[in-house]
Amino acid sequence: MFVLANIKYEIQENVGTISEGAKGWKRELNLISWNNRDPKYDLRDWDEQHEKMGKGLTLSKEELIKLRDLLNGLDL
């Protein structure tokens, strides 16, 4: 478990990496418990040690499923 500015977080599962920046930061989808709450899916940039993070987006399982369905419907 990590503590950052009075925010506790525990990465319970690394789902995957979307991209990596030149300075080694990775944009990852993780399942994270914030402040000992139920875990949620989280998309944000992380440093290599997962001690520093960028701004991100936190989604419930239901929201992640809806996002998946929306993305699957795109004509790419």
PDB file of N, CA and C in Angstrom:
ATOM      1  N   MET A   1       0.850  -1.171   0.000  1.00  0.00           N
ATOM      2  CA  MET A   1       0.000   0.000   0.000  1.00  0.00           C
ATOM      3  C   MET A   1       0.895   1.233   0.000  1.00  0.00           C
ATOM      4  N   PHE A   2       0.491   2.249  -0.721  1.00  0.00           N
ATOM      5  CA  PHE A   2       1.212   3.508  -0.802  1.00  0.00           C
ATOM      6  C   PHE A   2       0.386   4.609  -0.158  1.00  0.00           C
ATOM      7  N   VAL A   3       1.058   5.636   0.349  1.00  0.00           N
ATOM      8  CA  VAL A   3       0.386   6.816   0.889  1.00  0.00           C
ATOM      9  C   VAL A   3       0.989   8.027   0.197  1.00  0.00           C
ATOM     10  N   LEU A   4       0.138   8.863  -0.385  1.00  0.00           N
ATOM     11  CA  LEU A   4       0.575  10.054  -1.093  1.00  0.00           C
ATOM     12  C   LEU A   4      -0.321  11.202  -0.674  1.00  0.00           C
ATOM     13  N   ALA A   5       0.247  12.205   0.009  1.00  0.00           N
ATOM     14  CA  ALA A   5      -0.513  13.385   0.434  1.00  0.00           C
ATOM     15  C   ALA A   5      -1.817  12.994   1.127  1.00  0.00           C
ATOM     16  N   ASN A   6      -1.708  12.103   2.104  1.00  0.00           N
ATOM     17  CA  ASN A   6      -2.864  11.633   2.877  1.00  0.00           C
ATOM     18  C   ASN A   6      -3.872  10.838   2.057  1.00  0.00           C
ATOM     19  N   ILE A   7      -3.473  10.369   0.902  1.00  0.00           N
ATOM     20  CA  ILE A   7      -4.317   9.496   0.086  1.00  0.00           C
ATOM     21  C   ILE A   7      -3.660   8.117   0.076  1.00  0.00           C
ATOM     22  N   LYS A   8      -4.400   7.131   0.546  1.00  0.00           N
ATOM     23  CA  LYS A   8      -3.896   5.764   0.533  1.00  0.00           C
ATOM     24  C   LYS A   8      -4.416   5.063  -0.702  1.00  0.00           C
ATOM     25  N   TYR A   9      -3.543   4.318  -1.346  1.00  0.00           N
ATOM     26  CA  TYR A   9      -3.980   3.547  -2.512  1.00  0.00           C
ATOM     27  C   TYR A   9      -3.223   2.244  -2.585  1.00  0.00           C
ATOM     28  N   GLU A  10      -3.933   1.238  -3.075  1.00  0.00           N
ATOM     29  CA  GLU A  10      -3.332  -0.073  -3.263  1.00  0.00           C
ATOM     30  C   GLU A  10      -3.731  -0.581  -4.642  1.00  0.00           C
ATOM     31  N   ILE A  11      -2.739  -0.784  -5.488  1.00  0.00           N
ATOM     32  CA  ILE A  11      -2.998  -1.337  -6.812  1.00  0.00           C
ATOM     33  C   ILE A  11      -3.217  -2.836  -6.628  1.00  0.00           C
ATOM     34  N   GLN A  12      -4.445  -3.275  -6.841  1.00  0.00           N
ATOM     35  CA  GLN A  12      -4.773  -4.681  -6.631  1.00  0.00           C
ATOM     36  C   GLN A  12      -4.542  -5.521  -7.879  1.00  0.00           C
ATOM     37  N   GLU A  13      -4.653  -4.872  -9.044  1.00  0.00           N
ATOM     38  CA  GLU A  13      -4.407  -5.599 -10.297  1.00  0.00           C
ATOM     39  C   GLU A  13      -3.979  -4.614 -11.372  1.00  0.00           C
ATOM     40  N   ASN A  14      -2.893  -4.929 -12.064  1.00  0.00           N
ATOM     41  CA  ASN A  14      -2.498  -4.150 -13.231  1.00  0.00           C
ATOM     42  C   ASN A  14      -3.127  -4.827 -14.440  1.00  0.00           C
ATOM     43  N   VAL A  15      -4.134  -4.169 -15.009  1.00  0.00           N
ATOM     44  CA  VAL A  15      -4.852  -4.739 -16.149  1.00  0.00           C
ATOM     45  C   VAL A  15      -3.993  -4.639 -17.406  1.00  0.00           C
ATOM     46  N   GLY A  16      -3.314  -3.504 -17.581  1.00  0.00           N
ATOM     47  CA  GLY A  16      -2.458  -3.370 -18.746  1.00  0.00           C
ATOM     48  C   GLY A  16      -1.946  -1.954 -18.938  1.00  0.00           C
ATOM     49  N   THR A  17      -0.943  -1.836 -19.808  1.00  0.00           N
ATOM     50  CA  THR A  17      -0.336  -0.552 -20.148  1.00  0.00           C
ATOM     51  C   THR A  17      -0.817  -0.133 -21.530  1.00  0.00           C
ATOM     52  N   ILE A  18      -1.259   1.115 -21.647  1.00  0.00           N
ATOM     53  CA  ILE A  18      -1.748   1.643 -22.924  1.00  0.00           C
ATOM     54  C   ILE A  18      -0.613   2.289 -23.703  1.00  0.00           C
ATOM     55  N   SER A  19       0.252   3.034 -22.995  1.00  0.00           N
ATOM     56  CA  SER A  19       1.377   3.687 -23.667  1.00  0.00           C
ATOM     57  C   SER A  19       2.458   4.000 -22.647  1.00  0.00           C
ATOM     58  N   GLU A  20       3.638   4.385 -23.173  1.00  0.00           N
ATOM     59  CA  GLU A  20       4.752   4.770 -22.314  1.00  0.00           C
ATOM     60  C   GLU A  20       5.377   6.033 -22.872  1.00  0.00           C
ATOM     61  N   GLY A  21       5.609   7.006 -21.988  1.00  0.00           N
ATOM     62  CA  GLY A  21       6.217   8.265 -22.391  1.00  0.00           C
ATOM     63  C   GLY A  21       7.729   8.180 -22.417  1.00  0.00           C
ATOM     64  N   ALA A  22       8.362   9.218 -22.949  1.00  0.00           N
ATOM     65  CA  ALA A  22       9.819   9.257 -23.086  1.00  0.00           C
ATOM     66  C   ALA A  22      10.535   9.217 -21.733  1.00  0.00           C
ATOM     67  N   LYS A  23       9.881   9.700 -20.677  1.00  0.00           N
ATOM     68  CA  LYS A  23      10.503   9.735 -19.353  1.00  0.00           C
ATOM     69  C   LYS A  23      10.192   8.488 -18.525  1.00  0.00           C
ATOM     70  N   GLY A  24       9.586   7.474 -19.139  1.00  0.00           N
ATOM     71  CA  GLY A  24       9.330   6.220 -18.455  1.00  0.00           C
ATOM     72  C   GLY A  24       7.970   6.114 -17.786  1.00  0.00           C
ATOM     73  N   TRP A  25       7.201   7.198 -17.768  1.00  0.00           N
ATOM     74  CA  TRP A  25       5.859   7.136 -17.198  1.00  0.00           C
ATOM     75  C   TRP A  25       4.973   6.310 -18.115  1.00  0.00           C
ATOM     76  N   LYS A  26       4.086   5.517 -17.506  1.00  0.00           N
ATOM     77  CA  LYS A  26       3.204   4.647 -18.282  1.00  0.00           C
ATOM     78  C   LYS A  26       1.752   4.994 -18.017  1.00  0.00           C
ATOM     79  N   ARG A  27       0.957   4.994 -19.066  1.00  0.00           N
ATOM     80  CA  ARG A  27      -0.493   5.154 -18.938  1.00  0.00           C
ATOM     81  C   ARG A  27      -1.066   3.757 -18.774  1.00  0.00           C
ATOM     82  N   GLU A  28      -1.635   3.508 -17.587  1.00  0.00           N
ATOM     83  CA  GLU A  28      -2.060   2.164 -17.220  1.00  0.00           C
ATOM     84  C   GLU A  28      -3.529   2.123 -16.827  1.00  0.00           C
ATOM     85  N   LEU A  29      -4.112   0.954 -17.044  1.00  0.00           N
ATOM     86  CA  LEU A  29      -5.423   0.641 -16.486  1.00  0.00           C
ATOM     87  C   LEU A  29      -5.173  -0.322 -15.337  1.00  0.00           C
ATOM     88  N   ASN A  30      -5.570   0.104 -14.129  1.00  0.00           N
ATOM     89  CA  ASN A  30      -5.365  -0.693 -12.924  1.00  0.00           C
ATOM     90  C   ASN A  30      -6.669  -0.800 -12.150  1.00  0.00           C
ATOM     91  N   LEU A  31      -6.743  -1.806 -11.309  1.00  0.00           N
ATOM     92  CA  LEU A  31      -7.824  -1.934 -10.333  1.00  0.00           C
ATOM     93  C   LEU A  31      -7.223  -1.474  -9.011  1.00  0.00           C
ATOM     94  N   ILE A  32      -7.737  -0.346  -8.479  1.00  0.00           N
ATOM     95  CA  ILE A  32      -7.123   0.299  -7.319  1.00  0.00           C
ATOM     96  C   ILE A  32      -8.147   0.511  -6.211  1.00  0.00           C
ATOM     97  N   SER A  33      -7.712   0.257  -4.987  1.00  0.00           N
ATOM     98  CA  SER A  33      -8.488   0.611  -3.800  1.00  0.00           C
ATOM     99  C   SER A  33      -7.958   1.953  -3.305  1.00  0.00           C
ATOM    100  N   TRP A  34      -8.825   2.959  -3.274  1.00  0.00           N
ATOM    101  CA  TRP A  34      -8.461   4.289  -2.790  1.00  0.00           C
ATOM    102  C   TRP A  34      -8.978   4.444  -1.357  1.00  0.00           C
ATOM    103  N   ASN A  35      -8.116   4.806  -0.433  1.00  0.00           N
ATOM    104  CA  ASN A  35      -8.483   5.034   0.971  1.00  0.00           C
ATOM    105  C   ASN A  35      -9.264   3.862   1.558  1.00  0.00           C
ATOM    106  N   ASN A  36      -8.788   2.661   1.280  1.00  0.00           N
ATOM    107  CA  ASN A  36      -9.370   1.415   1.812  1.00  0.00           C
ATOM    108  C   ASN A  36     -10.822   1.189   1.383  1.00  0.00           C
ATOM    109  N   ARG A  37     -11.248   1.794   0.302  1.00  0.00           N
ATOM    110  CA  ARG A  37     -12.597   1.580  -0.222  1.00  0.00           C
ATOM    111  C   ARG A  37     -12.586   0.440  -1.229  1.00  0.00           C
ATOM    112  N   ASP A  38     -13.793   0.065  -1.684  1.00  0.00           N
ATOM    113  CA  ASP A  38     -13.890  -0.969  -2.714  1.00  0.00           C
ATOM    114  C   ASP A  38     -13.081  -0.543  -3.929  1.00  0.00           C
ATOM    115  N   PRO A  39     -12.380  -1.484  -4.569  1.00  0.00           N
ATOM    116  CA  PRO A  39     -11.542  -1.119  -5.715  1.00  0.00           C
ATOM    117  C   PRO A  39     -12.370  -0.683  -6.923  1.00  0.00           C
ATOM    118  N   LYS A  40     -11.771   0.230  -7.701  1.00  0.00           N
ATOM    119  CA  LYS A  40     -12.368   0.707  -8.951  1.00  0.00           C
ATOM    120  C   LYS A  40     -11.298   0.666 -10.026  1.00  0.00           C
ATOM    121  N   TYR A  41     -11.749   0.681 -11.271  1.00  0.00           N
ATOM    122  CA  TYR A  41     -10.822   0.712 -12.401  1.00  0.00           C
ATOM    123  C   TYR A  41     -10.333   2.130 -12.584  1.00  0.00           C
ATOM    124  N   ASP A  42      -9.057   2.268 -12.852  1.00  0.00           N
ATOM    125  CA  ASP A  42      -8.414   3.572 -12.849  1.00  0.00           C
ATOM    126  C   ASP A  42      -7.469   3.673 -14.038  1.00  0.00           C
ATOM    127  N   LEU A  43      -7.612   4.742 -14.802  1.00  0.00           N
ATOM    128  CA  LEU A  43      -6.770   4.986 -15.973  1.00  0.00           C
ATOM    129  C   LEU A  43      -5.999   6.274 -15.730  1.00  0.00           C
ATOM    130  N   ARG A  44      -4.660   6.167 -15.621  1.00  0.00           N
ATOM    131  CA  ARG A  44      -3.831   7.350 -15.407  1.00  0.00           C
ATOM    132  C   ARG A  44      -2.371   7.043 -15.704  1.00  0.00           C
ATOM    133  N   ASP A  45      -1.549   8.099 -15.707  1.00  0.00           N
ATOM    134  CA  ASP A  45      -0.108   7.965 -15.904  1.00  0.00           C
ATOM    135  C   ASP A  45       0.559   7.730 -14.555  1.00  0.00           C
ATOM    136  N   TRP A  46       1.551   6.829 -14.549  1.00  0.00           N
ATOM    137  CA  TRP A  46       2.304   6.483 -13.348  1.00  0.00           C
ATOM    138  C   TRP A  46       3.793   6.513 -13.634  1.00  0.00           C
ATOM    139  N   ASP A  47       4.585   6.895 -12.607  1.00  0.00           N
ATOM    140  CA  ASP A  47       6.030   6.751 -12.739  1.00  0.00           C
ATOM    141  C   ASP A  47       6.373   5.262 -12.590  1.00  0.00           C
ATOM    142  N   GLU A  48       7.635   4.941 -12.768  1.00  0.00           N
ATOM    143  CA  GLU A  48       8.047   3.530 -12.776  1.00  0.00           C
ATOM    144  C   GLU A  48       7.811   2.819 -11.444  1.00  0.00           C
ATOM    145  N   GLN A  49       7.870   3.550 -10.329  1.00  0.00           N
ATOM    146  CA  GLN A  49       7.710   2.934  -9.010  1.00  0.00           C
ATOM    147  C   GLN A  49       6.269   3.014  -8.484  1.00  0.00           C
ATOM    148  N   HIS A  50       5.379   3.581  -9.256  1.00  0.00           N
ATOM    149  CA  HIS A  50       3.989   3.795  -8.835  1.00  0.00           C
ATOM    150  C   HIS A  50       3.904   4.640  -7.565  1.00  0.00           C
ATOM    151  N   GLU A  51       4.826   5.596  -7.439  1.00  0.00           N
ATOM    152  CA  GLU A  51       4.808   6.516  -6.308  1.00  0.00           C
ATOM    153  C   GLU A  51       4.264   7.878  -6.702  1.00  0.00           C
ATOM    154  N   LYS A  52       4.425   8.251  -7.968  1.00  0.00           N
ATOM    155  CA  LYS A  52       3.906   9.520  -8.487  1.00  0.00           C
ATOM    156  C   LYS A  52       2.907   9.200  -9.575  1.00  0.00           C
ATOM    157  N   MET A  53       1.861  10.045  -9.666  1.00  0.00           N
ATOM    158  CA  MET A  53       0.813   9.794 -10.643  1.00  0.00           C
ATOM    159  C   MET A  53       0.349  11.096 -11.274  1.00  0.00           C
ATOM    160  N   GLY A  54      -0.214  10.963 -12.460  1.00  0.00           N
ATOM    161  CA  GLY A  54      -0.849  12.080 -13.118  1.00  0.00           C
ATOM    162  C   GLY A  54      -2.346  12.058 -12.851  1.00  0.00           C
ATOM    163  N   LYS A  55      -3.030  13.032 -13.405  1.00  0.00           N
ATOM    164  CA  LYS A  55      -4.490  13.045 -13.287  1.00  0.00           C
ATOM    165  C   LYS A  55      -5.054  11.847 -14.023  1.00  0.00           C
ATOM    166  N   GLY A  56      -6.175  11.360 -13.533  1.00  0.00           N
ATOM    167  CA  GLY A  56      -6.728  10.172 -14.144  1.00  0.00           C
ATOM    168  C   GLY A  56      -8.238  10.118 -14.094  1.00  0.00           C
ATOM    169  N   LEU A  57      -8.732   8.971 -14.458  1.00  0.00           N
ATOM    170  CA  LEU A  57     -10.166   8.712 -14.535  1.00  0.00           C
ATOM    171  C   LEU A  57     -10.431   7.408 -13.795  1.00  0.00           C
ATOM    172  N   THR A  58     -11.372   7.453 -12.839  1.00  0.00           N
ATOM    173  CA  THR A  58     -11.728   6.275 -12.058  1.00  0.00           C
ATOM    174  C   THR A  58     -13.138   5.843 -12.422  1.00  0.00           C
ATOM    175  N   LEU A  59     -13.306   4.546 -12.714  1.00  0.00           N
ATOM    176  CA  LEU A  59     -14.584   4.023 -13.188  1.00  0.00           C
ATOM    177  C   LEU A  59     -15.003   2.802 -12.382  1.00  0.00           C
ATOM    178  N   SER A  60     -16.302   2.693 -12.135  1.00  0.00           N
ATOM    179  CA  SER A  60     -16.831   1.460 -11.561  1.00  0.00           C
ATOM    180  C   SER A  60     -16.812   0.376 -12.635  1.00  0.00           C
ATOM    181  N   LYS A  61     -17.054  -0.856 -12.235  1.00  0.00           N
ATOM    182  CA  LYS A  61     -17.097  -1.952 -13.212  1.00  0.00           C
ATOM    183  C   LYS A  61     -18.189  -1.692 -14.243  1.00  0.00           C
ATOM    184  N   GLU A  62     -19.337  -1.195 -13.801  1.00  0.00           N
ATOM    185  CA  GLU A  62     -20.449  -0.924 -14.709  1.00  0.00           C
ATOM    186  C   GLU A  62     -20.086   0.178 -15.708  1.00  0.00           C
ATOM    187  N   GLU A  63     -19.396   1.220 -15.235  1.00  0.00           N
ATOM    188  CA  GLU A  63     -18.972   2.293 -16.132  1.00  0.00           C
ATOM    189  C   GLU A  63     -17.930   1.800 -17.130  1.00  0.00           C
ATOM    190  N   LEU A  64     -17.043   0.938 -16.689  1.00  0.00           N
ATOM    191  CA  LEU A  64     -16.024   0.383 -17.583  1.00  0.00           C
ATOM    192  C   LEU A  64     -16.673  -0.471 -18.672  1.00  0.00           C
ATOM    193  N   ILE A  65     -17.679  -1.248 -18.312  1.00  0.00           N
ATOM    194  CA  ILE A  65     -18.403  -2.063 -19.294  1.00  0.00           C
ATOM    195  C   ILE A  65     -19.097  -1.172 -20.311  1.00  0.00           C
ATOM    196  N   LYS A  66     -19.724  -0.089 -19.848  1.00  0.00           N
ATOM    197  CA  LYS A  66     -20.396   0.843 -20.758  1.00  0.00           C
ATOM    198  C   LYS A  66     -19.387   1.499 -21.696  1.00  0.00           C
ATOM    199  N   LEU A  67     -18.220   1.892 -21.161  1.00  0.00           N
ATOM    200  CA  LEU A  67     -17.168   2.471 -21.994  1.00  0.00           C
ATOM    201  C   LEU A  67     -16.701   1.470 -23.041  1.00  0.00           C
ATOM    202  N   ARG A  68     -16.518   0.211 -22.640  1.00  0.00           N
ATOM    203  CA  ARG A  68     -16.124  -0.838 -23.581  1.00  0.00           C
ATOM    204  C   ARG A  68     -17.139  -0.946 -24.712  1.00  0.00           C
ATOM    205  N   ASP A  69     -18.424  -0.948 -24.352  1.00  0.00           N
ATOM    206  CA  ASP A  69     -19.474  -1.057 -25.368  1.00  0.00           C
ATOM    207  C   ASP A  69     -19.460   0.136 -26.318  1.00  0.00           C
ATOM    208  N   LEU A  70     -19.236   1.340 -25.767  1.00  0.00           N
ATOM    209  CA  LEU A  70     -19.155   2.534 -26.608  1.00  0.00           C
ATOM    210  C   LEU A  70     -17.963   2.452 -27.563  1.00  0.00           C
ATOM    211  N   LEU A  71     -16.808   2.017 -27.041  1.00  0.00           N
ATOM    212  CA  LEU A  71     -15.615   1.903 -27.881  1.00  0.00           C
ATOM    213  C   LEU A  71     -15.785   0.831 -28.957  1.00  0.00           C
ATOM    214  N   ASN A  72     -16.431  -0.273 -28.613  1.00  0.00           N
ATOM    215  CA  ASN A  72     -16.656  -1.330 -29.593  1.00  0.00           C
ATOM    216  C   ASN A  72     -17.583  -0.856 -30.712  1.00  0.00           C
ATOM    217  N   GLY A  73     -18.407   0.139 -30.441  1.00  0.00           N
ATOM    218  CA  GLY A  73     -19.321   0.661 -31.446  1.00  0.00           C
ATOM    219  C   GLY A  73     -18.714   1.698 -32.381  1.00  0.00           C
ATOM    220  N   LEU A  74     -17.490   2.124 -32.071  1.00  0.00           N
ATOM    221  CA  LEU A  74     -16.828   3.124 -32.929  1.00  0.00           C
ATOM    222  C   LEU A  74     -16.392   2.494 -34.248  1.00  0.00           C
ATOM    223  N   ASP A  75     -16.488   3.261 -35.306  1.00  0.00           N
ATOM    224  CA  ASP A  75     -16.040   2.806 -36.621  1.00  0.00           C
ATOM    225  C   ASP A  75     -14.615   3.326 -36.838  1.00  0.00           C
ATOM    226  N   LEU A  76     -13.650   2.553 -36.388  1.00  0.00           N
ATOM    227  CA  LEU A  76     -12.230   2.989 -36.490  1.00  0.00           C
ATOM    228  C   LEU A  76     -11.532   2.319 -37.640  1.00  0.00           C
TER     229      LEU A  76
END
